């Protein structure tokens, strides 16, 4: 994996290690596309040294993941404690088998 950025003023494309944060006008490429990158005529490609192994997640990465999960959980709408099962019942014309709170519906013939 690699990150591609452009320096339009210098007609240069820079291909380097995968970026650790999102940045406008930066594109993450898989190994295949990074290896076959071509640029317009008159442009130059700078290929920065790539690490031989991908970096391992560190404590900051795990903390960022935990914070993202907490943020998503706090932004989720609250679900009601009780469901109105009358609304979940299938139409009377469809027969089904009930297993706990799930219902198997048969295709109408």
PDB file of N, CA and C in Angstrom:
ATOM      1  N   UNK A   1       0.837  -1.167   0.000  1.00  0.00           N
ATOM      2  CA  UNK A   1       0.000   0.000   0.000  1.00  0.00           C
ATOM      3  C   UNK A   1       0.890   1.241   0.000  1.00  0.00           C
ATOM      4  N   UNK A   2       0.383   2.280  -0.650  1.00  0.00           N
ATOM      5  CA  UNK A   2       1.133   3.532  -0.732  1.00  0.00           C
ATOM      6  C   UNK A   2       0.148   4.692  -0.829  1.00  0.00           C
ATOM      7  N   UNK A   3       0.626   5.887  -0.548  1.00  0.00           N
ATOM      8  CA  UNK A   3      -0.189   7.091  -0.689  1.00  0.00           C
ATOM      9  C   UNK A   3       0.406   7.950  -1.795  1.00  0.00           C
ATOM     10  N   UNK A   4      -0.472   8.400  -2.682  1.00  0.00           N
ATOM     11  CA  UNK A   4      -0.086   9.234  -3.808  1.00  0.00           C
ATOM     12  C   UNK A   4      -0.555  10.657  -3.556  1.00  0.00           C
ATOM     13  N   UNK A   5       0.340  11.616  -3.703  1.00  0.00           N
ATOM     14  CA  UNK A   5      -0.023  13.039  -3.613  1.00  0.00           C
ATOM     15  C   UNK A   5       0.571  13.745  -4.838  1.00  0.00           C
ATOM     16  N   UNK A   6      -0.043  14.855  -5.182  1.00  0.00           N
ATOM     17  CA  UNK A   6       0.408  15.636  -6.332  1.00  0.00           C
ATOM     18  C   UNK A   6       0.899  16.996  -5.890  1.00  0.00           C
ATOM     19  N   UNK A   7       1.940  17.484  -6.562  1.00  0.00           N
ATOM     20  CA  UNK A   7       2.406  18.853  -6.393  1.00  0.00           C
ATOM     21  C   UNK A   7       2.222  19.483  -7.776  1.00  0.00           C
ATOM     22  N   UNK A   8       1.046  20.069  -8.002  1.00  0.00           N
ATOM     23  CA  UNK A   8       0.721  20.595  -9.323  1.00  0.00           C
ATOM     24  C   UNK A   8       1.698  21.671  -9.776  1.00  0.00           C
ATOM     25  N   UNK A   9       2.111  22.562  -8.879  1.00  0.00           N
ATOM     26  CA  UNK A   9       2.999  23.665  -9.251  1.00  0.00           C
ATOM     27  C   UNK A   9       4.325  23.156  -9.805  1.00  0.00           C
ATOM     28  N   UNK A  10       4.749  21.967  -9.378  1.00  0.00           N
ATOM     29  CA  UNK A  10       6.023  21.406  -9.834  1.00  0.00           C
ATOM     30  C   UNK A  10       5.846  20.236 -10.793  1.00  0.00           C
ATOM     31  N   UNK A  11       4.596  19.965 -11.193  1.00  0.00           N
ATOM     32  CA  UNK A  11       4.292  18.831 -12.094  1.00  0.00           C
ATOM     33  C   UNK A  11       4.934  17.545 -11.582  1.00  0.00           C
ATOM     34  N   UNK A  12       4.679  17.253 -10.302  1.00  0.00           N
ATOM     35  CA  UNK A  12       5.299  16.099  -9.650  1.00  0.00           C
ATOM     36  C   UNK A  12       4.248  15.283  -8.904  1.00  0.00           C
ATOM     37  N   UNK A  13       4.355  13.977  -9.040  1.00  0.00           N
ATOM     38  CA  UNK A  13       3.546  13.045  -8.257  1.00  0.00           C
ATOM     39  C   UNK A  13       4.475  12.392  -7.246  1.00  0.00           C
ATOM     40  N   UNK A  14       4.048  12.347  -5.998  1.00  0.00           N
ATOM     41  CA  UNK A  14       4.876  11.761  -4.942  1.00  0.00           C
ATOM     42  C   UNK A  14       4.190  10.495  -4.449  1.00  0.00           C
ATOM     43  N   UNK A  15       4.904   9.391  -4.524  1.00  0.00           N
ATOM     44  CA  UNK A  15       4.388   8.096  -4.078  1.00  0.00           C
ATOM     45  C   UNK A  15       5.215   7.656  -2.891  1.00  0.00           C
ATOM     46  N   UNK A  16       4.561   7.526  -1.731  1.00  0.00           N
ATOM     47  CA  UNK A  16       5.304   7.187  -0.524  1.00  0.00           C
ATOM     48  C   UNK A  16       4.544   6.235   0.363  1.00  0.00           C
ATOM     49  N   UNK A  17       5.042   6.025   1.574  1.00  0.00           N
ATOM     50  CA  UNK A  17       4.390   5.122   2.519  1.00  0.00           C
ATOM     51  C   UNK A  17       2.945   5.549   2.792  1.00  0.00           C
ATOM     52  N   UNK A  18       2.139   4.608   3.175  1.00  0.00           N
ATOM     53  CA  UNK A  18       0.735   4.854   3.460  1.00  0.00           C
ATOM     54  C   UNK A  18       0.603   5.935   4.531  1.00  0.00           C
ATOM     55  N   UNK A  19      -0.192   6.953   4.234  1.00  0.00           N
ATOM     56  CA  UNK A  19      -0.382   8.062   5.172  1.00  0.00           C
ATOM     57  C   UNK A  19      -1.137   7.583   6.405  1.00  0.00           C
ATOM     58  N   UNK A  20      -0.846   8.195   7.533  1.00  0.00           N
ATOM     59  CA  UNK A  20      -1.499   7.804   8.787  1.00  0.00           C
ATOM     60  C   UNK A  20      -2.714   8.659   9.085  1.00  0.00           C
ATOM     61  N   UNK A  21      -2.975   9.670   8.258  1.00  0.00           N
ATOM     62  CA  UNK A  21      -4.155  10.521   8.452  1.00  0.00           C
ATOM     63  C   UNK A  21      -4.674  10.953   7.083  1.00  0.00           C
ATOM     64  N   UNK A  22      -5.961  11.283   7.037  1.00  0.00           N
ATOM     65  CA  UNK A  22      -6.588  11.698   5.783  1.00  0.00           C
ATOM     66  C   UNK A  22      -6.155  13.112   5.431  1.00  0.00           C
ATOM     67  N   UNK A  23      -5.881  13.313   4.175  1.00  0.00           N
ATOM     68  CA  UNK A  23      -5.461  14.623   3.704  1.00  0.00           C
ATOM     69  C   UNK A  23      -6.095  14.850   2.329  1.00  0.00           C
ATOM     70  N   UNK A  24      -6.593  16.069   2.073  1.00  0.00           N
ATOM     71  CA  UNK A  24      -7.183  16.318   0.756  1.00  0.00           C
ATOM     72  C   UNK A  24      -6.145  16.113  -0.348  1.00  0.00           C
ATOM     73  N   UNK A  25      -6.584  15.611  -1.459  1.00  0.00           N
ATOM     74  CA  UNK A  25      -5.732  15.391  -2.631  1.00  0.00           C
ATOM     75  C   UNK A  25      -4.654  14.337  -2.391  1.00  0.00           C
ATOM     76  N   UNK A  26      -4.880  13.440  -1.449  1.00  0.00           N
ATOM     77  CA  UNK A  26      -3.985  12.307  -1.233  1.00  0.00           C
ATOM     78  C   UNK A  26      -4.804  11.041  -1.483  1.00  0.00           C
ATOM     79  N   UNK A  27      -4.226  10.091  -2.185  1.00  0.00           N
ATOM     80  CA  UNK A  27      -4.952   8.897  -2.592  1.00  0.00           C
ATOM     81  C   UNK A  27      -4.176   7.664  -2.167  1.00  0.00           C
ATOM     82  N   UNK A  28      -4.834   6.750  -1.493  1.00  0.00           N
ATOM     83  CA  UNK A  28      -4.209   5.496  -1.086  1.00  0.00           C
ATOM     84  C   UNK A  28      -4.328   4.506  -2.245  1.00  0.00           C
ATOM     85  N   UNK A  29      -3.227   3.848  -2.564  1.00  0.00           N
ATOM     86  CA  UNK A  29      -3.186   2.890  -3.663  1.00  0.00           C
ATOM     87  C   UNK A  29      -2.748   1.524  -3.151  1.00  0.00           C
ATOM     88  N   UNK A  30      -3.277   0.473  -3.773  1.00  0.00           N
ATOM     89  CA  UNK A  30      -2.820  -0.879  -3.445  1.00  0.00           C
ATOM     90  C   UNK A  30      -1.435  -1.068  -4.065  1.00  0.00           C
ATOM     91  N   UNK A  31      -0.765  -2.137  -3.723  1.00  0.00           N
ATOM     92  CA  UNK A  31       0.592  -2.398  -4.188  1.00  0.00           C
ATOM     93  C   UNK A  31       0.651  -2.488  -5.709  1.00  0.00           C
ATOM     94  N   UNK A  32      -0.331  -3.158  -6.314  1.00  0.00           N
ATOM     95  CA  UNK A  32      -0.345  -3.321  -7.766  1.00  0.00           C
ATOM     96  C   UNK A  32      -0.436  -1.967  -8.473  1.00  0.00           C
ATOM     97  N   UNK A  33      -1.360  -1.114  -8.045  1.00  0.00           N
ATOM     98  CA  UNK A  33      -1.519   0.171  -8.701  1.00  0.00           C
ATOM     99  C   UNK A  33      -0.367   1.131  -8.383  1.00  0.00           C
ATOM    100  N   UNK A  34       0.188   1.036  -7.210  1.00  0.00           N
ATOM    101  CA  UNK A  34       1.352   1.869  -6.879  1.00  0.00           C
ATOM    102  C   UNK A  34       2.541   1.492  -7.763  1.00  0.00           C
ATOM    103  N   UNK A  35       2.685   0.213  -8.048  1.00  0.00           N
ATOM    104  CA  UNK A  35       3.801  -0.245  -8.880  1.00  0.00           C
ATOM    105  C   UNK A  35       3.647   0.105 -10.346  1.00  0.00           C
ATOM    106  N   UNK A  36       2.401   0.253 -10.814  1.00  0.00           N
ATOM    107  CA  UNK A  36       2.188   0.535 -12.241  1.00  0.00           C
ATOM    108  C   UNK A  36       1.775   1.982 -12.500  1.00  0.00           C
ATOM    109  N   UNK A  37       2.018   2.866 -11.555  1.00  0.00           N
ATOM    110  CA  UNK A  37       1.621   4.264 -11.679  1.00  0.00           C
ATOM    111  C   UNK A  37       2.323   4.955 -12.842  1.00  0.00           C
ATOM    112  N   UNK A  38       1.547   5.654 -13.645  1.00  0.00           N
ATOM    113  CA  UNK A  38       2.110   6.501 -14.688  1.00  0.00           C
ATOM    114  C   UNK A  38       1.562   7.911 -14.495  1.00  0.00           C
ATOM    115  N   UNK A  39       2.286   8.900 -14.992  1.00  0.00           N
ATOM    116  CA  UNK A  39       1.872  10.296 -14.853  1.00  0.00           C
ATOM    117  C   UNK A  39       1.839  10.940 -16.239  1.00  0.00           C
ATOM    118  N   UNK A  40       1.207  12.099 -16.356  1.00  0.00           N
ATOM    119  CA  UNK A  40       1.161  12.771 -17.661  1.00  0.00           C
ATOM    120  C   UNK A  40       2.568  13.143 -18.151  1.00  0.00           C
ATOM    121  N   UNK A  41       2.696  13.351 -19.473  1.00  0.00           N
ATOM    122  CA  UNK A  41       3.979  13.779 -20.047  1.00  0.00           C
ATOM    123  C   UNK A  41       4.428  15.082 -19.410  1.00  0.00           C
ATOM    124  N   UNK A  42       5.715  15.171 -19.137  1.00  0.00           N
ATOM    125  CA  UNK A  42       6.273  16.367 -18.533  1.00  0.00           C
ATOM    126  C   UNK A  42       6.243  16.332 -17.006  1.00  0.00           C
ATOM    127  N   UNK A  43       5.588  15.336 -16.438  1.00  0.00           N
ATOM    128  CA  UNK A  43       5.536  15.193 -14.975  1.00  0.00           C
ATOM    129  C   UNK A  43       6.639  14.241 -14.525  1.00  0.00           C
ATOM    130  N   UNK A  44       6.977  14.346 -13.254  1.00  0.00           N
ATOM    131  CA  UNK A  44       7.983  13.485 -12.641  1.00  0.00           C
ATOM    132  C   UNK A  44       7.339  12.709 -11.500  1.00  0.00           C
ATOM    133  N   UNK A  45       7.780  11.478 -11.288  1.00  0.00           N
ATOM    134  CA  UNK A  45       7.301  10.676 -10.155  1.00  0.00           C
ATOM    135  C   UNK A  45       8.434  10.545  -9.156  1.00  0.00           C
ATOM    136  N   UNK A  46       8.192  10.967  -7.929  1.00  0.00           N
ATOM    137  CA  UNK A  46       9.146  10.750  -6.844  1.00  0.00           C
ATOM    138  C   UNK A  46       8.645   9.557  -6.039  1.00  0.00           C
ATOM    139  N   UNK A  47       9.426   8.511  -5.996  1.00  0.00           N
ATOM    140  CA  UNK A  47       9.070   7.314  -5.221  1.00  0.00           C
ATOM    141  C   UNK A  47       9.902   7.312  -3.951  1.00  0.00           C
ATOM    142  N   UNK A  48       9.228   7.542  -2.839  1.00  0.00           N
ATOM    143  CA  UNK A  48       9.914   7.568  -1.550  1.00  0.00           C
ATOM    144  C   UNK A  48      10.158   6.141  -1.080  1.00  0.00           C
ATOM    145  N   UNK A  49      11.131   5.962  -0.208  1.00  0.00           N
ATOM    146  CA  UNK A  49      11.451   4.637   0.329  1.00  0.00           C
ATOM    147  C   UNK A  49      10.231   4.068   1.047  1.00  0.00           C
ATOM    148  N   UNK A  50       9.895   2.831   0.720  1.00  0.00           N
ATOM    149  CA  UNK A  50       8.747   2.157   1.319  1.00  0.00           C
ATOM    150  C   UNK A  50       9.243   1.181   2.384  1.00  0.00           C
ATOM    151  N   UNK A  51       8.540   1.123   3.529  1.00  0.00           N
ATOM    152  CA  UNK A  51       8.944   0.149   4.558  1.00  0.00           C
ATOM    153  C   UNK A  51       8.718  -1.274   4.052  1.00  0.00           C
ATOM    154  N   UNK A  52       9.582  -2.180   4.479  1.00  0.00           N
ATOM    155  CA  UNK A  52       9.466  -3.567   4.022  1.00  0.00           C
ATOM    156  C   UNK A  52       8.299  -4.289   4.687  1.00  0.00           C
ATOM    157  N   UNK A  53       7.917  -3.853   5.877  1.00  0.00           N
ATOM    158  CA  UNK A  53       6.759  -4.440   6.562  1.00  0.00           C
ATOM    159  C   UNK A  53       5.823  -3.309   6.992  1.00  0.00           C
ATOM    160  N   UNK A  54       4.517  -3.577   6.944  1.00  0.00           N
ATOM    161  CA  UNK A  54       3.587  -2.536   7.374  1.00  0.00           C
ATOM    162  C   UNK A  54       3.738  -2.257   8.866  1.00  0.00           C
ATOM    163  N   UNK A  55       3.527  -1.010   9.292  1.00  0.00           N
ATOM    164  CA  UNK A  55       3.654  -0.703  10.718  1.00  0.00           C
ATOM    165  C   UNK A  55       2.584  -1.420  11.530  1.00  0.00           C
ATOM    166  N   UNK A  56       2.967  -1.855  12.711  1.00  0.00           N
ATOM    167  CA  UNK A  56       2.034  -2.537  13.606  1.00  0.00           C
ATOM    168  C   UNK A  56       1.230  -1.500  14.390  1.00  0.00           C
ATOM    169  N   UNK A  57      -0.040  -1.817  14.706  1.00  0.00           N
ATOM    170  CA  UNK A  57      -0.827  -0.857  15.489  1.00  0.00           C
ATOM    171  C   UNK A  57      -0.198  -0.627  16.854  1.00  0.00           C
ATOM    172  N   UNK A  58      -0.214   0.616  17.280  1.00  0.00           N
ATOM    173  CA  UNK A  58       0.341   0.973  18.577  1.00  0.00           C
ATOM    174  C   UNK A  58      -0.761   1.386  19.529  1.00  0.00           C
ATOM    175  N   UNK A  59      -0.400   1.812  20.733  1.00  0.00           N
ATOM    176  CA  UNK A  59      -1.398   2.204  21.727  1.00  0.00           C
ATOM    177  C   UNK A  59      -2.267   3.373  21.253  1.00  0.00           C
ATOM    178  N   UNK A  60      -1.697   4.298  20.491  1.00  0.00           N
ATOM    179  CA  UNK A  60      -2.483   5.422  19.988  1.00  0.00           C
ATOM    180  C   UNK A  60      -3.558   4.952  19.015  1.00  0.00           C
ATOM    181  N   UNK A  61      -3.218   3.958  18.177  1.00  0.00           N
ATOM    182  CA  UNK A  61      -4.192   3.431  17.235  1.00  0.00           C
ATOM    183  C   UNK A  61      -5.355   2.762  17.965  1.00  0.00           C
ATOM    184  N   UNK A  62      -5.033   1.987  18.994  1.00  0.00           N
ATOM    185  CA  UNK A  62      -6.080   1.296  19.750  1.00  0.00           C
ATOM    186  C   UNK A  62      -6.955   2.284  20.507  1.00  0.00           C
ATOM    187  N   UNK A  63      -6.348   3.330  21.035  1.00  0.00           N
ATOM    188  CA  UNK A  63      -7.112   4.357  21.738  1.00  0.00           C
ATOM    189  C   UNK A  63      -8.032   5.093  20.765  1.00  0.00           C
ATOM    190  N   UNK A  64      -7.550   5.397  19.567  1.00  0.00           N
ATOM    191  CA  UNK A  64      -8.371   6.062  18.553  1.00  0.00           C
ATOM    192  C   UNK A  64      -9.547   5.174  18.155  1.00  0.00           C
ATOM    193  N   UNK A  65      -9.318   3.878  18.023  1.00  0.00           N
ATOM    194  CA  UNK A  65     -10.391   2.948  17.689  1.00  0.00           C
ATOM    195  C   UNK A  65     -11.428   2.903  18.798  1.00  0.00           C
ATOM    196  N   UNK A  66     -10.990   2.820  20.046  1.00  0.00           N
ATOM    197  CA  UNK A  66     -11.917   2.795  21.182  1.00  0.00           C
ATOM    198  C   UNK A  66     -12.732   4.080  21.240  1.00  0.00           C
ATOM    199  N   UNK A  67     -12.102   5.230  21.002  1.00  0.00           N
ATOM    200  CA  UNK A  67     -12.824   6.504  21.012  1.00  0.00           C
ATOM    201  C   UNK A  67     -13.846   6.570  19.885  1.00  0.00           C
ATOM    202  N   UNK A  68     -13.508   6.052  18.724  1.00  0.00           N
ATOM    203  CA  UNK A  68     -14.449   6.042  17.600  1.00  0.00           C
ATOM    204  C   UNK A  68     -15.659   5.177  17.915  1.00  0.00           C
ATOM    205  N   UNK A  69     -15.441   4.028  18.556  1.00  0.00           N
ATOM    206  CA  UNK A  69     -16.554   3.154  18.930  1.00  0.00           C
ATOM    207  C   UNK A  69     -17.441   3.844  19.962  1.00  0.00           C
ATOM    208  N   UNK A  70     -16.832   4.490  20.953  1.00  0.00           N
ATOM    209  CA  UNK A  70     -17.615   5.217  21.965  1.00  0.00           C
ATOM    210  C   UNK A  70     -18.432   6.329  21.324  1.00  0.00           C
ATOM    211  N   UNK A  71     -17.828   7.067  20.410  1.00  0.00           N
ATOM    212  CA  UNK A  71     -18.519   8.167  19.741  1.00  0.00           C
ATOM    213  C   UNK A  71     -19.702   7.652  18.916  1.00  0.00           C
ATOM    214  N   UNK A  72     -19.489   6.558  18.206  1.00  0.00           N
ATOM    215  CA  UNK A  72     -20.573   5.982  17.405  1.00  0.00           C
ATOM    216  C   UNK A  72     -21.701   5.475  18.292  1.00  0.00           C
ATOM    217  N   UNK A  73     -21.351   4.889  19.423  1.00  0.00           N
ATOM    218  CA  UNK A  73     -22.376   4.377  20.339  1.00  0.00           C
ATOM    219  C   UNK A  73     -23.177   5.510  20.961  1.00  0.00           C
ATOM    220  N   UNK A  74     -22.529   6.614  21.274  1.00  0.00           N
ATOM    221  CA  UNK A  74     -23.260   7.724  21.891  1.00  0.00           C
ATOM    222  C   UNK A  74     -24.111   8.461  20.865  1.00  0.00           C
ATOM    223  N   UNK A  75     -23.756   8.387  19.587  1.00  0.00           N
ATOM    224  CA  UNK A  75     -24.530   9.058  18.540  1.00  0.00           C
ATOM    225  C   UNK A  75     -25.691   8.205  18.050  1.00  0.00           C
ATOM    226  N   UNK A  76     -25.684   6.904  18.378  1.00  0.00           N
ATOM    227  CA  UNK A  76     -26.754   6.013  17.912  1.00  0.00           C
ATOM    228  C   UNK A  76     -28.059   6.355  18.616  1.00  0.00           C
ATOM    229  N   UNK A  77     -29.180   6.303  17.871  1.00  0.00           N
ATOM    230  CA  UNK A  77     -30.467   6.580  18.509  1.00  0.00           C
ATOM    231  C   UNK A  77     -30.807   5.496  19.523  1.00  0.00           C
ATOM    232  N   UNK A  78     -31.494   5.900  20.566  1.00  0.00           N
ATOM    233  CA  UNK A  78     -31.886   4.924  21.578  1.00  0.00           C
ATOM    234  C   UNK A  78     -32.963   4.013  21.018  1.00  0.00           C
ATOM    235  N   UNK A  79     -32.856   2.730  21.368  1.00  0.00           N
ATOM    236  CA  UNK A  79     -33.880   1.788  20.929  1.00  0.00           C
ATOM    237  C   UNK A  79     -34.896   1.627  22.050  1.00  0.00           C
ATOM    238  N   UNK A  80     -36.173   1.519  21.708  1.00  0.00           N
ATOM    239  CA  UNK A  80     -37.174   1.362  22.755  1.00  0.00           C
ATOM    240  C   UNK A  80     -36.977   0.061  23.519  1.00  0.00           C
ATOM    241  N   UNK A  81     -37.323   0.077  24.788  1.00  0.00           N
ATOM    242  CA  UNK A  81     -37.147  -1.111  25.633  1.00  0.00           C
ATOM    243  C   UNK A  81     -38.090  -2.225  25.216  1.00  0.00           C
ATOM    244  N   UNK A  82     -39.284  -1.863  24.817  1.00  0.00           N
ATOM    245  CA  UNK A  82     -40.254  -2.866  24.390  1.00  0.00           C
ATOM    246  C   UNK A  82     -40.629  -2.607  22.938  1.00  0.00           C
ATOM    247  N   UNK A  83     -40.811  -3.696  22.201  1.00  0.00           N
ATOM    248  CA  UNK A  83     -41.247  -3.586  20.821  1.00  0.00           C
ATOM    249  C   UNK A  83     -42.749  -3.832  20.757  1.00  0.00           C
ATOM    250  N   UNK A  84     -43.392  -3.199  19.827  1.00  0.00           N
ATOM    251  CA  UNK A  84     -44.814  -3.442  19.596  1.00  0.00           C
ATOM    252  C   UNK A  84     -44.915  -4.634  18.655  1.00  0.00           C
ATOM    253  N   UNK A  85     -45.133  -5.837  19.210  1.00  0.00           N
ATOM    254  CA  UNK A  85     -45.148  -7.062  18.416  1.00  0.00           C
ATOM    255  C   UNK A  85     -46.328  -7.121  17.474  1.00  0.00           C
ATOM    256  N   UNK A  86     -47.374  -6.373  17.745  1.00  0.00           N
ATOM    257  CA  UNK A  86     -48.536  -6.382  16.860  1.00  0.00           C
ATOM    258  C   UNK A  86     -48.133  -5.858  15.478  1.00  0.00           C
ATOM    259  N   UNK A  87     -47.212  -4.917  15.418  1.00  0.00           N
ATOM    260  CA  UNK A  87     -46.774  -4.391  14.136  1.00  0.00           C
ATOM    261  C   UNK A  87     -45.856  -5.366  13.408  1.00  0.00           C
ATOM    262  N   UNK A  88     -45.261  -6.293  14.129  1.00  0.00           N
ATOM    263  CA  UNK A  88     -44.319  -7.218  13.522  1.00  0.00           C
ATOM    264  C   UNK A  88     -44.989  -8.493  13.023  1.00  0.00           C
ATOM    265  N   UNK A  89     -46.255  -8.696  13.291  1.00  0.00           N
ATOM    266  CA  UNK A  89     -46.947  -9.901  12.876  1.00  0.00           C
ATOM    267  C   UNK A  89     -47.122  -9.911  11.360  1.00  0.00           C
ATOM    268  N   UNK A  90     -46.959 -11.068  10.711  1.00  0.00           N
ATOM    269  CA  UNK A  90     -47.164 -11.143   9.269  1.00  0.00           C
ATOM    270  C   UNK A  90     -48.653 -11.048   8.947  1.00  0.00           C
ATOM    271  N   UNK A  91     -49.024 -10.754   7.706  1.00  0.00           N
ATOM    272  CA  UNK A  91     -50.433 -10.728   7.342  1.00  0.00           C
ATOM    273  C   UNK A  91     -51.089 -12.079   7.605  1.00  0.00           C
ATOM    274  N   UNK A  92     -52.362 -12.064   7.867  1.00  0.00           N
ATOM    275  CA  UNK A  92     -53.090 -13.293   8.223  1.00  0.00           C
ATOM    276  C   UNK A  92     -53.029 -14.330   7.114  1.00  0.00           C
ATOM    277  N   UNK A  93     -52.857 -13.913   5.861  1.00  0.00           N
ATOM    278  CA  UNK A  93     -52.856 -14.856   4.745  1.00  0.00           C
ATOM    279  C   UNK A  93     -51.547 -15.639   4.627  1.00  0.00           C
ATOM    280  N   UNK A  94     -50.509 -15.251   5.362  1.00  0.00           N
ATOM    281  CA  UNK A  94     -49.212 -15.918   5.292  1.00  0.00           C
ATOM    282  C   UNK A  94     -49.013 -16.749   6.542  1.00  0.00           C
ATOM    283  N   UNK A  95     -48.737 -18.043   6.334  1.00  0.00           N
ATOM    284  CA  UNK A  95     -48.493 -18.922   7.479  1.00  0.00           C
ATOM    285  C   UNK A  95     -47.003 -18.954   7.760  1.00  0.00           C
ATOM    286  N   UNK A  96     -46.659 -19.167   9.021  1.00  0.00           N
ATOM    287  CA  UNK A  96     -45.254 -19.221   9.373  1.00  0.00           C
ATOM    288  C   UNK A  96     -45.033 -20.037  10.630  1.00  0.00           C
ATOM    289  N   UNK A  97     -43.791 -20.371  10.892  1.00  0.00           N
ATOM    290  CA  UNK A  97     -43.396 -21.092  12.086  1.00  0.00           C
ATOM    291  C   UNK A  97     -42.659 -20.113  12.980  1.00  0.00           C
ATOM    292  N   UNK A  98     -42.985 -20.123  14.254  1.00  0.00           N
ATOM    293  CA  UNK A  98     -42.351 -19.177  15.171  1.00  0.00           C
ATOM    294  C   UNK A  98     -41.275 -19.893  15.982  1.00  0.00           C
ATOM    295  N   UNK A  99     -40.096 -19.275  16.080  1.00  0.00           N
ATOM    296  CA  UNK A  99     -39.002 -19.791  16.897  1.00  0.00           C
ATOM    297  C   UNK A  99     -38.507 -18.646  17.752  1.00  0.00           C
ATOM    298  N   UNK A 100     -38.913 -18.621  18.997  1.00  0.00           N
ATOM    299  CA  UNK A 100     -38.529 -17.538  19.876  1.00  0.00           C
ATOM    300  C   UNK A 100     -39.119 -16.233  19.374  1.00  0.00           C
ATOM    301  N   UNK A 101     -38.297 -15.242  19.167  1.00  0.00           N
ATOM    302  CA  UNK A 101     -38.790 -13.959  18.682  1.00  0.00           C
ATOM    303  C   UNK A 101     -38.711 -13.847  17.158  1.00  0.00           C
ATOM    304  N   UNK A 102     -38.229 -14.912  16.475  1.00  0.00           N
ATOM    305  CA  UNK A 102     -38.132 -14.902  15.020  1.00  0.00           C
ATOM    306  C   UNK A 102     -39.289 -15.667  14.410  1.00  0.00           C
ATOM    307  N   UNK A 103     -39.644 -15.339  13.205  1.00  0.00           N
ATOM    308  CA  UNK A 103     -40.720 -16.028  12.504  1.00  0.00           C
ATOM    309  C   UNK A 103     -40.228 -16.412  11.114  1.00  0.00           C
ATOM    310  N   UNK A 104     -40.444 -17.662  10.719  1.00  0.00           N
ATOM    311  CA  UNK A 104     -40.108 -18.136   9.394  1.00  0.00           C
ATOM    312  C   UNK A 104     -41.362 -18.003   8.541  1.00  0.00           C
ATOM    313  N   UNK A 105     -41.283 -17.256   7.485  1.00  0.00           N
ATOM    314  CA  UNK A 105     -42.433 -17.058   6.616  1.00  0.00           C
ATOM    315  C   UNK A 105     -42.309 -17.927   5.398  1.00  0.00           C
ATOM    316  N   UNK A 106     -43.406 -18.536   4.997  1.00  0.00           N
ATOM    317  CA  UNK A 106     -43.446 -19.342   3.787  1.00  0.00           C
ATOM    318  C   UNK A 106     -43.911 -18.469   2.636  1.00  0.00           C
ATOM    319  N   UNK A 107     -43.386 -18.759   1.452  1.00  0.00           N
ATOM    320  CA  UNK A 107     -43.807 -18.018   0.266  1.00  0.00           C
ATOM    321  C   UNK A 107     -45.267 -18.349  -0.037  1.00  0.00           C
ATOM    322  N   UNK A 108     -46.105 -17.320  -0.333  1.00  0.00           N
ATOM    323  CA  UNK A 108     -47.489 -17.612  -0.708  1.00  0.00           C
ATOM    324  C   UNK A 108     -47.488 -18.347  -2.042  1.00  0.00           C
ATOM    325  N   UNK A 109     -48.392 -19.350  -2.159  1.00  0.00           N
ATOM    326  CA  UNK A 109     -48.410 -20.114  -3.408  1.00  0.00           C
ATOM    327  C   UNK A 109     -49.362 -19.552  -4.428  1.00  0.00           C
TER     328      UNK A 109
END
